[in-house]
N, C-alpha and C. Protein backbone atom coordinates (compact mmCIF):
# COMPACT_ATOMS: atom_id res chain seq x y z
N UNK A 1 1.05 -1.39 -0.05
CA UNK A 1 0.32 0.20 0.12
C UNK A 1 0.88 1.40 0.22
N UNK A 2 0.43 1.91 -1.06
CA UNK A 2 1.45 3.33 -1.20
C UNK A 2 1.07 4.34 0.18
N UNK A 3 2.46 4.76 0.45
CA UNK A 3 2.32 5.75 2.02
C UNK A 3 1.48 7.04 1.37
N UNK A 4 0.73 7.54 2.61
CA UNK A 4 -0.13 8.59 2.81
C UNK A 4 1.28 9.68 2.11
N UNK A 5 0.28 10.93 1.21
CA UNK A 5 0.83 12.32 1.18
C UNK A 5 1.45 12.72 2.19
N UNK A 6 2.20 13.08 2.42
CA UNK A 6 2.93 13.98 3.45
C UNK A 6 2.41 15.19 3.37
N UNK A 7 2.72 16.07 2.57
CA UNK A 7 2.75 17.45 2.35
C UNK A 7 1.29 17.92 1.05
N UNK A 8 0.48 17.29 0.88
CA UNK A 8 -0.84 17.97 -0.65
C UNK A 8 -0.90 16.63 -0.92
N UNK A 9 -1.79 17.14 -2.24
CA UNK A 9 -0.87 16.37 -3.67
C UNK A 9 -1.54 17.34 -4.43
N UNK A 10 -1.58 17.41 -5.78
CA UNK A 10 -2.12 17.76 -6.78
C UNK A 10 -1.73 17.74 -7.79
N UNK A 11 -3.45 17.25 -8.89
CA UNK A 11 -3.56 16.44 -9.85
C UNK A 11 -3.92 17.41 -11.34
N UNK A 12 -3.68 17.00 -12.07
CA UNK A 12 -3.47 18.14 -13.79
C UNK A 12 -4.06 16.73 -14.80
N UNK A 13 -4.76 16.99 -15.23
CA UNK A 13 -4.87 16.12 -16.58
C UNK A 13 -3.93 16.61 -17.84
N UNK A 14 -3.15 15.88 -18.54
CA UNK A 14 -2.74 15.78 -19.30
C UNK A 14 -2.97 15.50 -20.61
N UNK A 15 -3.52 17.14 -20.90
CA UNK A 15 -4.32 16.43 -22.97
C UNK A 15 -4.02 16.65 -23.87
N UNK A 16 -2.31 17.38 -23.66
CA UNK A 16 -1.67 16.78 -24.91
C UNK A 16 -0.19 17.55 -24.62
N UNK A 17 1.02 17.72 -25.21
CA UNK A 17 2.59 17.98 -25.18
C UNK A 17 2.03 19.40 -24.88
N UNK A 18 1.32 20.30 -25.93
CA UNK A 18 1.66 21.45 -25.78
C UNK A 18 0.93 22.26 -24.44
N UNK A 19 -0.16 21.03 -24.05
CA UNK A 19 -0.03 21.76 -22.30
C UNK A 19 0.11 21.54 -21.59
N UNK A 20 1.67 20.68 -21.80
CA UNK A 20 2.48 20.51 -20.68
C UNK A 20 3.44 21.32 -20.47
N UNK A 21 3.23 21.86 -21.45
CA UNK A 21 4.89 22.65 -21.84
C UNK A 21 4.81 23.88 -20.68
N UNK A 22 4.06 24.61 -19.96
CA UNK A 22 3.55 25.44 -19.02
C UNK A 22 4.77 26.35 -19.05
N UNK A 23 6.07 25.58 -17.58
CA UNK A 23 7.12 26.91 -17.90
C UNK A 23 8.64 26.40 -18.48
N UNK A 24 8.19 25.86 -19.25
CA UNK A 24 9.18 25.20 -21.15
C UNK A 24 10.75 24.61 -20.69
N UNK A 25 11.41 24.70 -21.85
CA UNK A 25 12.47 23.77 -21.80
C UNK A 25 13.09 24.27 -20.70
N UNK A 26 13.22 25.53 -20.16
CA UNK A 26 14.69 25.71 -19.02
C UNK A 26 13.61 25.09 -18.12
N UNK A 27 12.55 25.46 -17.54
CA UNK A 27 12.58 25.08 -16.38
C UNK A 27 12.35 23.54 -16.27
N UNK A 28 12.03 22.59 -17.39
CA UNK A 28 11.83 21.32 -17.41
C UNK A 28 13.26 20.96 -17.55
N UNK A 29 14.69 21.37 -17.86
CA UNK A 29 15.91 21.19 -18.40
C UNK A 29 16.39 20.96 -16.46
N UNK A 30 16.03 21.95 -15.82
CA UNK A 30 16.40 21.98 -14.63
C UNK A 30 16.29 21.36 -13.19
N UNK A 31 14.70 20.27 -13.77
CA UNK A 31 14.55 18.88 -13.01
C UNK A 31 15.33 17.87 -12.84
N UNK A 32 15.64 17.65 -14.43
CA UNK A 32 16.85 16.63 -14.69
C UNK A 32 16.40 15.22 -14.37
N UNK A 33 15.25 14.86 -14.32
CA UNK A 33 14.50 13.67 -14.46
C UNK A 33 14.38 12.96 -15.50
N UNK A 34 14.67 11.62 -15.05
CA UNK A 34 14.65 10.63 -16.31
C UNK A 34 13.51 9.87 -16.44
N UNK A 35 13.52 9.27 -17.56
CA UNK A 35 12.20 8.56 -17.33
C UNK A 35 12.43 7.31 -17.25
N UNK A 36 10.80 6.35 -17.13
CA UNK A 36 10.85 5.19 -16.46
C UNK A 36 10.31 4.59 -15.33
N UNK A 37 9.97 3.94 -14.90
CA UNK A 37 9.22 3.67 -13.49
C UNK A 37 10.32 3.44 -12.48
N UNK A 38 9.80 4.81 -11.44
CA UNK A 38 10.40 4.14 -10.05
C UNK A 38 12.11 4.95 -10.61
N UNK A 39 11.60 5.54 -11.01
CA UNK A 39 13.55 6.82 -11.77
C UNK A 39 12.85 7.93 -10.21
N UNK A 40 14.70 7.95 -10.13
CA UNK A 40 15.13 8.77 -9.27
C UNK A 40 15.95 10.41 -9.46
N UNK A 41 16.06 11.03 -8.99
CA UNK A 41 16.53 12.16 -10.10
C UNK A 41 16.68 12.95 -8.59
N UNK A 42 17.31 13.05 -8.20
CA UNK A 42 17.68 14.13 -6.34
C UNK A 42 16.54 13.71 -5.93
N UNK A 43 15.71 15.02 -5.40
CA UNK A 43 14.71 14.33 -4.44
C UNK A 43 13.60 14.25 -5.34
N UNK A 44 13.29 14.29 -6.64
CA UNK A 44 12.11 13.85 -7.33
C UNK A 44 12.31 12.04 -7.62
N UNK A 45 11.05 11.57 -7.45
CA UNK A 45 10.64 10.25 -7.81
C UNK A 45 9.91 10.24 -9.06
N UNK A 46 9.65 9.44 -10.02
CA UNK A 46 8.97 9.76 -11.19
C UNK A 46 8.34 8.18 -11.09
N UNK A 47 6.95 7.85 -10.76
CA UNK A 47 6.15 6.47 -10.95
C UNK A 47 5.34 6.46 -12.01
N UNK A 48 5.74 5.64 -12.99
CA UNK A 48 4.52 5.20 -14.08
C UNK A 48 3.66 4.55 -13.97
N UNK A 49 2.44 4.68 -14.59
CA UNK A 49 1.58 3.63 -14.66
C UNK A 49 0.88 3.22 -15.66
N UNK A 50 0.61 1.84 -16.34
CA UNK A 50 -0.15 2.03 -17.33
C UNK A 50 -1.88 2.13 -16.96
N UNK A 51 -1.78 1.52 -15.71
CA UNK A 51 -3.27 2.26 -15.66
C UNK A 51 -3.84 3.81 -16.06
N UNK A 52 -3.38 4.79 -15.56
CA UNK A 52 -3.27 5.81 -15.49
C UNK A 52 -2.77 6.46 -17.06
N UNK A 53 -4.51 6.85 -17.19
CA UNK A 53 -4.71 7.27 -18.81
C UNK A 53 -4.09 8.66 -18.90
N UNK A 54 -4.49 9.78 -18.48
CA UNK A 54 -4.44 11.63 -18.35
C UNK A 54 -4.38 12.08 -17.26
N UNK A 55 -4.13 11.76 -16.40
CA UNK A 55 -4.26 12.65 -14.92
C UNK A 55 -2.96 12.53 -14.63
N UNK A 56 -2.11 13.70 -14.31
CA UNK A 56 -0.52 13.79 -13.87
C UNK A 56 -0.96 13.92 -12.38
N UNK A 57 -0.06 13.40 -11.02
CA UNK A 57 -0.46 13.72 -9.93
C UNK A 57 0.89 13.98 -9.64
N UNK A 58 1.00 14.69 -8.03
CA UNK A 58 2.28 15.09 -7.48
C UNK A 58 2.03 15.00 -5.83
N UNK A 59 3.05 14.61 -5.44
CA UNK A 59 2.64 14.65 -3.54
C UNK A 59 4.32 15.19 -2.85
N UNK A 60 4.33 15.30 -1.74
CA UNK A 60 5.25 14.88 -1.05
C UNK A 60 5.30 14.20 -0.39
N UNK A 61 6.36 13.33 -0.48
CA UNK A 61 6.57 12.32 0.79
C UNK A 61 7.92 12.50 1.37
N UNK A 62 7.80 12.52 2.81
CA UNK A 62 9.05 12.48 3.51
C UNK A 62 10.23 13.88 2.54
N UNK A 63 10.98 13.53 2.09
CA UNK A 63 12.08 14.34 1.53
C UNK A 63 11.78 14.51 -0.01
N UNK A 64 11.12 13.43 -0.27
CA UNK A 64 11.15 13.36 -1.79
C UNK A 64 9.83 13.97 -2.65
N UNK A 65 9.99 14.57 -3.31
CA UNK A 65 8.38 14.54 -3.88
C UNK A 65 8.23 13.43 -5.07
N UNK A 66 7.44 13.33 -5.34
CA UNK A 66 6.21 12.08 -5.77
C UNK A 66 5.76 12.03 -6.87
N UNK A 67 6.32 11.94 -8.25
CA UNK A 67 5.09 12.42 -9.33
C UNK A 67 4.45 10.87 -10.42
N UNK A 68 3.34 11.28 -10.71
CA UNK A 68 2.65 10.29 -10.63
C UNK A 68 2.64 10.45 -12.24
N UNK A 69 2.78 9.56 -13.18
CA UNK A 69 2.55 9.94 -14.96
C UNK A 69 2.01 8.67 -15.47
N UNK A 70 1.71 9.04 -16.23
CA UNK A 70 0.62 8.07 -17.25
C UNK A 70 2.22 7.57 -18.10
N UNK A 71 1.96 5.63 -17.92
CA UNK A 71 3.19 5.20 -18.71
C UNK A 71 3.76 5.52 -19.95
N UNK A 72 2.52 5.72 -21.02
CA UNK A 72 2.85 6.14 -23.05
C UNK A 72 3.59 7.87 -22.34
N UNK A 73 3.93 8.39 -21.58
CA UNK A 73 4.07 9.81 -21.87
C UNK A 73 5.57 9.30 -21.55
N UNK A 74 6.04 9.95 -23.47
CA UNK A 74 7.39 10.61 -23.42
C UNK A 74 8.03 11.29 -22.87
N UNK A 75 9.93 10.76 -22.72
CA UNK A 75 10.26 11.59 -21.82
C UNK A 75 10.44 13.13 -21.92
N UNK A 76 10.36 13.61 -23.33
CA UNK A 76 9.88 15.45 -23.14
C UNK A 76 8.94 15.67 -22.67
N UNK A 77 7.91 14.87 -22.70
CA UNK A 77 6.40 15.11 -21.82
C UNK A 77 6.91 14.85 -20.29
N UNK A 78 7.54 13.75 -20.34
CA UNK A 78 7.39 13.83 -18.53
C UNK A 78 8.55 14.90 -18.07
N UNK A 79 9.40 15.41 -18.59
CA UNK A 79 9.96 16.99 -18.06
C UNK A 79 9.54 18.09 -18.03
N UNK A 80 8.41 17.98 -18.81
CA UNK A 80 7.56 19.29 -19.01
C UNK A 80 6.80 19.15 -17.27
N UNK A 81 6.23 17.88 -17.55
CA UNK A 81 5.18 17.72 -16.72
C UNK A 81 5.64 17.62 -15.06
N UNK A 82 6.66 17.32 -14.77
CA UNK A 82 7.64 17.25 -13.80
C UNK A 82 7.86 18.85 -13.14
N UNK A 83 8.57 19.59 -14.04
CA UNK A 83 8.37 21.07 -13.48
C UNK A 83 6.71 21.84 -13.40
N UNK A 84 5.49 21.61 -14.66
CA UNK A 84 4.72 22.01 -14.14
C UNK A 84 4.38 21.41 -12.47
N UNK A 85 4.33 20.19 -12.51
CA UNK A 85 3.62 19.68 -11.34
C UNK A 85 4.84 20.13 -9.74
N UNK A 86 5.92 20.57 -10.00
CA UNK A 86 6.27 21.17 -9.15
C UNK A 86 6.22 23.07 -8.40
N UNK A 87 5.63 23.06 -9.69
CA UNK A 87 5.42 24.49 -9.68
C UNK A 87 4.25 24.54 -8.78
N UNK A 88 3.16 24.19 -9.39
CA UNK A 88 1.82 23.96 -8.92
C UNK A 88 1.66 23.26 -7.30
N UNK A 89 3.15 22.15 -7.16
CA UNK A 89 2.91 22.31 -5.40
C UNK A 89 3.38 23.14 -4.51
N UNK A 90 4.36 23.85 -5.27
CA UNK A 90 5.48 25.09 -4.31
C UNK A 90 4.63 25.88 -4.05
N UNK A 91 3.37 26.49 -4.98
CA UNK A 91 2.30 27.35 -4.93
C UNK A 91 1.10 26.89 -3.81
N UNK A 92 0.81 25.53 -3.31
CA UNK A 92 -0.18 24.93 -2.44
C UNK A 92 0.87 25.18 -1.48
N UNK A 93 1.85 25.16 -1.41
CA UNK A 93 2.68 25.02 -0.46
C UNK A 93 3.10 26.72 0.93
N UNK A 94 3.35 27.54 -0.59
CA UNK A 94 3.26 28.63 0.21
C UNK A 94 2.14 29.55 0.40
N UNK A 95 1.08 28.77 -0.21
CA UNK A 95 -0.23 29.32 0.69
C UNK A 95 -0.58 28.74 1.88
N UNK A 96 -0.18 27.47 1.97
CA UNK A 96 -0.53 27.12 3.58
C UNK A 96 0.73 27.56 4.36
N UNK A 97 1.66 27.97 4.09
CA UNK A 97 2.75 28.35 5.18
C UNK A 97 2.20 29.86 6.23
N UNK A 98 2.19 29.22 7.55
CA UNK A 98 2.26 29.68 8.86
C UNK A 98 2.46 31.48 8.28
N UNK A 99 1.85 32.12 9.17
CA UNK A 99 2.15 33.41 9.33
C UNK A 99 2.94 33.66 10.21
N UNK A 100 3.24 34.93 11.24
CA UNK A 100 3.79 34.88 11.86
C UNK A 100 3.39 34.54 13.39
N UNK A 101 2.12 34.97 13.48
CA UNK A 101 1.30 34.64 14.53
C UNK A 101 0.91 33.03 14.66
N UNK A 102 0.75 31.83 13.48
CA UNK A 102 0.80 30.44 13.83
C UNK A 102 2.39 30.48 13.93
N UNK A 103 3.62 31.15 13.48
CA UNK A 103 4.75 30.19 14.06
C UNK A 103 5.17 31.01 15.08
N UNK A 104 4.46 31.72 15.99
CA UNK A 104 4.73 31.88 17.24
C UNK A 104 3.98 31.07 18.10
N UNK A 105 2.21 30.41 17.66
CA UNK A 105 1.94 29.15 18.56
C UNK A 105 2.61 28.51 18.30
N UNK A 106 3.05 27.78 17.15
CA UNK A 106 4.02 26.51 16.78
C UNK A 106 5.25 26.56 17.91
N UNK A 107 5.74 27.90 17.99
CA UNK A 107 7.18 27.66 18.54
C UNK A 107 6.36 27.57 20.19
N UNK A 108 5.51 28.31 20.62
CA UNK A 108 4.80 27.61 21.61
C UNK A 108 4.68 26.62 22.01
N UNK A 109 4.07 25.75 21.21
CA UNK A 109 4.09 24.28 21.52
C UNK A 109 4.58 23.37 21.58
N UNK A 110 6.07 23.70 20.38
CA UNK A 110 6.97 23.05 20.88
C UNK A 110 8.14 22.96 22.34
N UNK A 111 8.05 24.39 22.70
CA UNK A 111 8.70 24.33 23.61
C UNK A 111 7.70 23.47 24.94
N UNK A 112 6.62 23.65 24.79
CA UNK A 112 6.22 22.86 25.93
C UNK A 112 6.46 21.08 25.56
N UNK A 113 6.21 20.84 24.55
CA UNK A 113 6.61 19.64 24.18
C UNK A 113 7.94 19.26 24.17
N UNK A 114 9.13 20.27 24.24
CA UNK A 114 10.63 19.41 24.10
C UNK A 114 11.22 20.22 25.41
N UNK A 115 10.51 21.18 25.59
CA UNK A 115 11.64 22.05 26.81
C UNK A 115 10.91 22.54 27.57
N UNK A 116 10.35 21.67 28.07
CA UNK A 116 8.76 21.93 29.41
C UNK A 116 8.18 23.27 29.82
N UNK A 117 8.55 24.08 28.32
CA UNK A 117 8.17 25.42 27.87
C UNK A 117 8.68 26.53 28.63
N UNK A 118 9.95 26.16 28.65
CA UNK A 118 11.07 27.20 29.32
C UNK A 118 11.48 28.05 29.09
N UNK A 119 11.65 28.17 27.57
CA UNK A 119 11.78 29.32 26.48
C UNK A 119 10.39 29.94 25.83
N UNK A 120 10.27 31.34 26.12
CA UNK A 120 9.25 31.63 26.09
C UNK A 120 9.69 32.85 25.21
N UNK A 121 9.77 32.99 23.79
CA UNK A 121 10.04 34.21 22.98
C UNK A 121 8.85 35.13 22.89
N UNK A 122 9.42 36.03 23.24
CA UNK A 122 8.31 37.57 22.31
C UNK A 122 7.70 37.72 21.63
N UNK A 123 8.88 37.24 20.17
CA UNK A 123 8.29 37.24 19.09
C UNK A 123 9.01 36.48 18.16
N UNK A 124 8.43 35.95 17.41
CA UNK A 124 8.71 34.49 16.56
C UNK A 124 8.39 34.99 14.75
N UNK A 125 8.71 35.17 13.85
CA UNK A 125 8.37 35.68 12.97
C UNK A 125 9.27 35.66 11.57
N UNK A 126 9.00 35.61 10.12
CA UNK A 126 9.77 35.82 9.09
C UNK A 126 10.91 36.49 9.38
N UNK A 127 11.74 36.21 8.27
CA UNK A 127 12.45 37.53 7.59
C UNK A 127 13.05 37.29 5.97
N UNK A 128 13.31 37.69 5.89
CA UNK A 128 14.18 37.78 4.14
C UNK A 128 15.07 38.34 4.11
N UNK A 129 15.92 38.83 4.97
CA UNK A 129 17.31 39.31 5.09
C UNK A 129 18.67 37.80 5.51
N UNK A 130 17.98 37.00 6.03
CA UNK A 130 18.54 35.95 6.30
C UNK A 130 19.28 34.66 4.79
N UNK A 131 19.96 35.30 4.02
CA UNK A 131 20.51 34.26 3.08
C UNK A 131 21.46 33.92 3.52
N UNK A 132 22.16 33.30 4.45
CA UNK A 132 23.30 32.27 5.36
C UNK A 132 22.99 31.80 6.62
N UNK A 133 21.93 31.83 7.16
CA UNK A 133 21.65 31.29 8.23
C UNK A 133 19.91 31.02 7.90
N UNK A 134 19.59 29.88 8.50
CA UNK A 134 18.24 29.59 8.54
C UNK A 134 17.34 29.95 9.45
N UNK A 135 17.98 30.38 10.66
CA UNK A 135 17.16 31.00 11.77
C UNK A 135 17.80 32.05 12.35
N UNK A 136 17.79 32.72 13.51
CA UNK A 136 18.77 33.33 14.35
C UNK A 136 17.45 33.57 15.55
N UNK A 137 18.35 34.09 16.90
CA UNK A 137 17.50 34.74 17.89
C UNK A 137 18.66 35.69 18.62
N UNK A 138 17.33 36.34 19.37
CA UNK A 138 18.60 37.25 20.25
C UNK A 138 18.07 37.27 21.77
N UNK A 139 18.46 36.53 22.33
CA UNK A 139 17.73 35.98 24.00
C UNK A 139 17.52 37.40 24.54
N UNK A 140 18.23 38.40 24.77
CA UNK A 140 18.34 39.80 25.60
C UNK A 140 17.24 40.74 25.12
N UNK A 141 16.39 40.55 24.00
CA UNK A 141 15.20 40.64 23.31
C UNK A 141 14.14 39.55 23.54
N UNK A 142 13.97 38.21 23.52
CA UNK A 142 13.47 37.68 23.86
C UNK A 142 12.81 37.17 21.77
N UNK A 143 13.48 37.27 21.18
CA UNK A 143 13.19 37.58 19.53
C UNK A 143 14.00 36.43 19.17
N UNK A 144 12.91 35.64 17.74
CA UNK A 144 13.54 34.54 17.09
C UNK A 144 13.07 35.16 15.77
N UNK A 145 14.00 34.67 14.81
CA UNK A 145 13.78 34.80 13.27
C UNK A 145 13.63 33.40 12.94
N UNK A 146 13.01 33.03 11.49
CA UNK A 146 13.42 32.27 10.62
C UNK A 146 13.33 33.07 9.31
N UNK A 147 14.52 32.25 8.18
CA UNK A 147 14.61 32.84 7.51
C UNK A 147 13.55 32.42 6.43
N UNK A 148 13.00 33.66 5.36
CA UNK A 148 11.92 32.77 4.37
C UNK A 148 12.44 31.43 3.63
N UNK A 149 13.86 31.30 3.66
CA UNK A 149 14.30 30.32 2.88
C UNK A 149 13.69 28.96 3.03
N UNK A 150 12.74 28.42 3.88
CA UNK A 150 12.63 27.34 4.52
C UNK A 150 11.43 27.21 4.27
N UNK A 151 10.82 28.15 4.06
CA UNK A 151 8.35 28.29 3.20
C UNK A 151 8.82 26.88 2.07
N UNK A 152 8.40 25.61 2.14
CA UNK A 152 7.84 25.04 1.61
C UNK A 152 8.79 23.88 2.00
N UNK A 153 9.53 23.77 2.52
CA UNK A 153 10.36 22.68 3.59
C UNK A 153 9.76 22.00 3.80
N UNK A 154 9.85 20.88 4.40
CA UNK A 154 9.37 20.02 5.21
C UNK A 154 9.18 20.45 5.90
N UNK A 155 7.49 20.17 7.39
CA UNK A 155 7.60 20.39 8.62
C UNK A 155 8.34 20.39 9.90
N UNK A 156 9.08 19.00 9.59
CA UNK A 156 9.89 18.66 10.41
C UNK A 156 11.03 19.40 10.59
N UNK A 157 11.33 20.24 9.15
CA UNK A 157 12.38 20.65 9.19
C UNK A 157 12.35 22.30 9.96
N UNK A 158 11.41 23.01 9.50
CA UNK A 158 11.10 23.87 10.21
C UNK A 158 10.35 24.10 11.72
N UNK A 159 10.16 22.65 12.28
CA UNK A 159 10.06 22.66 13.41
C UNK A 159 11.64 23.12 14.33
N UNK A 160 12.18 21.52 13.82
CA UNK A 160 13.77 21.78 14.15
C UNK A 160 14.37 23.24 14.07
N UNK A 161 14.46 24.13 12.84
CA UNK A 161 14.92 25.13 13.21
C UNK A 161 14.50 26.25 14.25
N UNK A 162 13.14 25.56 14.64
CA UNK A 162 12.75 26.52 14.92
C UNK A 162 13.02 25.86 16.67
N UNK A 163 13.17 24.94 17.07
CA UNK A 163 13.26 24.55 18.42
C UNK A 163 14.90 24.97 18.68
N UNK A 164 15.92 24.58 17.45
CA UNK A 164 17.26 24.56 17.85
C UNK A 164 17.37 26.23 18.08
N UNK A 165 16.15 27.38 17.64
CA UNK A 165 16.35 28.80 18.25
C UNK A 165 15.79 28.74 19.49
N UNK A 166 14.90 28.47 19.99
CA UNK A 166 14.23 28.25 21.17
C UNK A 166 15.39 27.81 22.36
N UNK A 167 15.87 26.84 22.00
CA UNK A 167 17.35 26.17 22.69
C UNK A 167 18.01 27.26 23.07
N UNK A 168 18.82 28.13 21.78
CA UNK A 168 19.45 29.29 22.02
C UNK A 168 18.90 30.67 23.26
N UNK A 169 17.64 30.30 23.33
CA UNK A 169 17.13 31.16 24.69
C UNK A 169 17.46 31.03 25.69
N UNK A 170 17.72 29.51 25.95
CA UNK A 170 18.15 28.97 27.17
C UNK A 170 19.50 28.90 27.11
N UNK A 171 20.22 28.81 26.41
CA UNK A 171 21.67 28.45 26.44
C UNK A 171 22.23 28.47 25.18
N UNK A 172 22.70 29.66 25.09
CA UNK A 172 23.72 30.60 23.89
C UNK A 172 24.74 29.80 23.29
N UNK A 173 25.59 28.84 23.16
CA UNK A 173 26.46 28.76 23.04
C UNK A 173 25.41 26.88 21.64
N UNK A 174 26.60 26.16 21.63
CA UNK A 174 26.96 25.23 20.79
C UNK A 174 27.62 23.83 21.60
N UNK A 175 27.32 24.29 23.03
CA UNK A 175 27.87 22.69 23.57
C UNK A 175 27.20 21.72 24.17
N UNK A 176 28.04 20.69 24.78
CA UNK A 176 26.93 19.63 25.29
C UNK A 176 25.69 20.37 25.89
N UNK A 177 25.47 21.14 26.75
CA UNK A 177 24.24 21.14 27.68
C UNK A 177 23.22 22.21 26.25
N UNK A 178 23.50 22.47 25.18
CA UNK A 178 22.73 22.98 24.24
C UNK A 178 22.30 21.86 23.25
N UNK A 179 22.82 21.18 22.92
CA UNK A 179 22.72 19.75 22.35
C UNK A 179 21.78 18.78 23.09
N UNK A 180 22.16 18.87 24.47
CA UNK A 180 20.77 18.05 25.27
C UNK A 180 19.87 18.24 25.02
N UNK A 181 19.26 19.81 24.87
CA UNK A 181 17.72 20.35 25.57
C UNK A 181 17.07 19.31 23.66
N UNK A 182 18.61 18.64 22.71
CA UNK A 182 17.50 19.11 21.59
C UNK A 182 17.49 17.64 21.42
N UNK A 183 17.86 16.61 22.57
CA UNK A 183 18.04 14.76 22.06
C UNK A 183 16.75 14.90 22.28
N UNK A 184 15.49 15.16 22.76
CA UNK A 184 13.98 14.74 22.99
C UNK A 184 13.03 14.64 21.50
N UNK A 185 14.06 15.53 20.82
CA UNK A 185 13.22 15.92 19.33
C UNK A 185 13.65 14.66 18.31
N UNK A 186 13.04 14.03 18.24
CA UNK A 186 13.09 12.75 17.80
C UNK A 186 13.83 13.08 16.11
N UNK A 187 13.67 14.16 15.39
CA UNK A 187 14.29 14.01 13.78
C UNK A 187 15.57 14.89 13.80
N UNK A 188 16.33 15.32 15.06
CA UNK A 188 16.89 16.27 14.82
C UNK A 188 17.99 15.82 13.60
N UNK A 189 18.38 14.88 14.06
CA UNK A 189 19.60 14.19 12.77
C UNK A 189 19.32 14.70 11.74
N UNK A 190 17.83 13.82 11.36
CA UNK A 190 17.21 13.66 10.22
C UNK A 190 16.88 15.60 9.36
N UNK A 191 16.74 16.14 10.14
CA UNK A 191 16.03 17.72 9.62
C UNK A 191 18.11 18.12 9.74
N UNK A 192 18.53 18.21 10.28
CA UNK A 192 20.81 18.28 10.19
C UNK A 192 20.69 18.12 8.77
N UNK A 193 20.33 16.63 8.54
CA UNK A 193 21.22 16.17 7.15
C UNK A 193 20.21 16.70 5.98
N UNK A 194 18.93 17.44 6.49
CA UNK A 194 18.47 17.88 5.12
C UNK A 194 18.28 19.00 4.75
N UNK A 195 19.15 20.01 5.70
CA UNK A 195 19.56 21.64 5.41
C UNK A 195 20.87 21.44 4.85
N UNK A 196 21.65 20.36 5.56
CA UNK A 196 23.28 20.20 5.04
C UNK A 196 23.40 20.05 3.39
N UNK A 197 21.92 18.75 3.05
CA UNK A 197 22.33 18.63 2.08
C UNK A 197 21.63 19.92 1.15
N UNK A 198 21.11 20.66 0.99
CA UNK A 198 20.58 21.77 0.73
C UNK A 198 21.26 23.14 0.88
N UNK A 199 22.42 23.18 1.43
CA UNK A 199 23.02 23.92 1.50
C UNK A 199 24.54 23.56 0.74
N UNK A 200 24.86 21.97 0.45
CA UNK A 200 25.21 21.95 -0.46
C UNK A 200 24.92 22.16 -1.35
N UNK A 201 23.65 21.63 -2.24
CA UNK A 201 23.31 21.68 -3.45
C UNK A 201 23.93 23.17 -3.95
N UNK A 202 23.27 23.90 -3.05
CA UNK A 202 22.88 25.44 -3.57
C UNK A 202 24.50 26.24 -4.17
N UNK A 203 25.56 25.52 -3.16
CA UNK A 203 27.03 25.86 -3.47
C UNK A 203 27.19 24.85 -4.75
N UNK A 204 26.88 23.81 -5.53
CA UNK A 204 27.55 23.10 -6.27
C UNK A 204 26.58 24.06 -8.12
N UNK A 205 28.10 24.10 -8.85
CA UNK A 205 27.50 24.73 -9.99
C UNK A 205 26.30 24.03 -11.01
N UNK A 206 25.62 24.81 -11.93
CA UNK A 206 24.68 24.45 -12.32
C UNK A 206 25.35 23.98 -13.68
N UNK A 207 25.18 22.67 -13.86
CA UNK A 207 25.62 22.25 -15.23
C UNK A 207 24.79 22.35 -16.12
N UNK A 208 25.26 22.50 -17.35
CA UNK A 208 23.95 22.26 -18.06
C UNK A 208 23.50 21.36 -18.66
N UNK A 209 22.24 20.89 -18.90
CA UNK A 209 21.73 19.88 -19.68
C UNK A 209 22.45 18.97 -20.60
N UNK A 210 22.33 17.71 -20.53
CA UNK A 210 22.82 17.15 -21.74
C UNK A 210 21.81 16.70 -22.79
N UNK A 211 22.76 16.70 -24.28
CA UNK A 211 21.68 16.31 -25.18
C UNK A 211 21.24 14.84 -24.81
N UNK A 212 19.71 15.04 -25.36
CA UNK A 212 19.11 14.32 -24.81
C UNK A 212 18.00 14.50 -23.77
N UNK A 213 18.71 15.00 -22.95
CA UNK A 213 18.17 15.18 -21.63
C UNK A 213 16.49 16.35 -21.44
């Protein structure tokens, strides 16, 4: 039985290759996923089915994006539809992203669950001026700021960054006492690995698509 989508589901009817062309070749090339059943490319996994005739679907499953395609679809159509569905998922997730008030409520729940409610920030908000850090806090002001680059990432990653900054309200450095506070969060290592992967990917050069891709 397939896993339930973790972050929403988007569907679209594949009427023709022209209808699929939405974002254009440049966007499709940037995806770089190959054809075939169960083919993975980075965080995108393509699953083809002979039972699918016209519908294309996509959803998040953990750290991956699953794209469901008809088996008859050509490689070029596959590239275009992956780009289309990634854009639709991103738009859906941006509408679902919590505002500052909801982010503050989320921080309060995390503090209660994992820090016995001892971390009580005065403000928690999104900011757009943090491109080298995922989050920051100022203990003297009781303020926490999360980078807008986290928007659209899995919820457990956002929760980890929030909890990380909440812990800094109690312990300023990254010594053993600090990491002990995060021991109770079960996805600390997974979230750190996800963020390290994103940071590494951002530093890699963007290679041009190979002929035939």
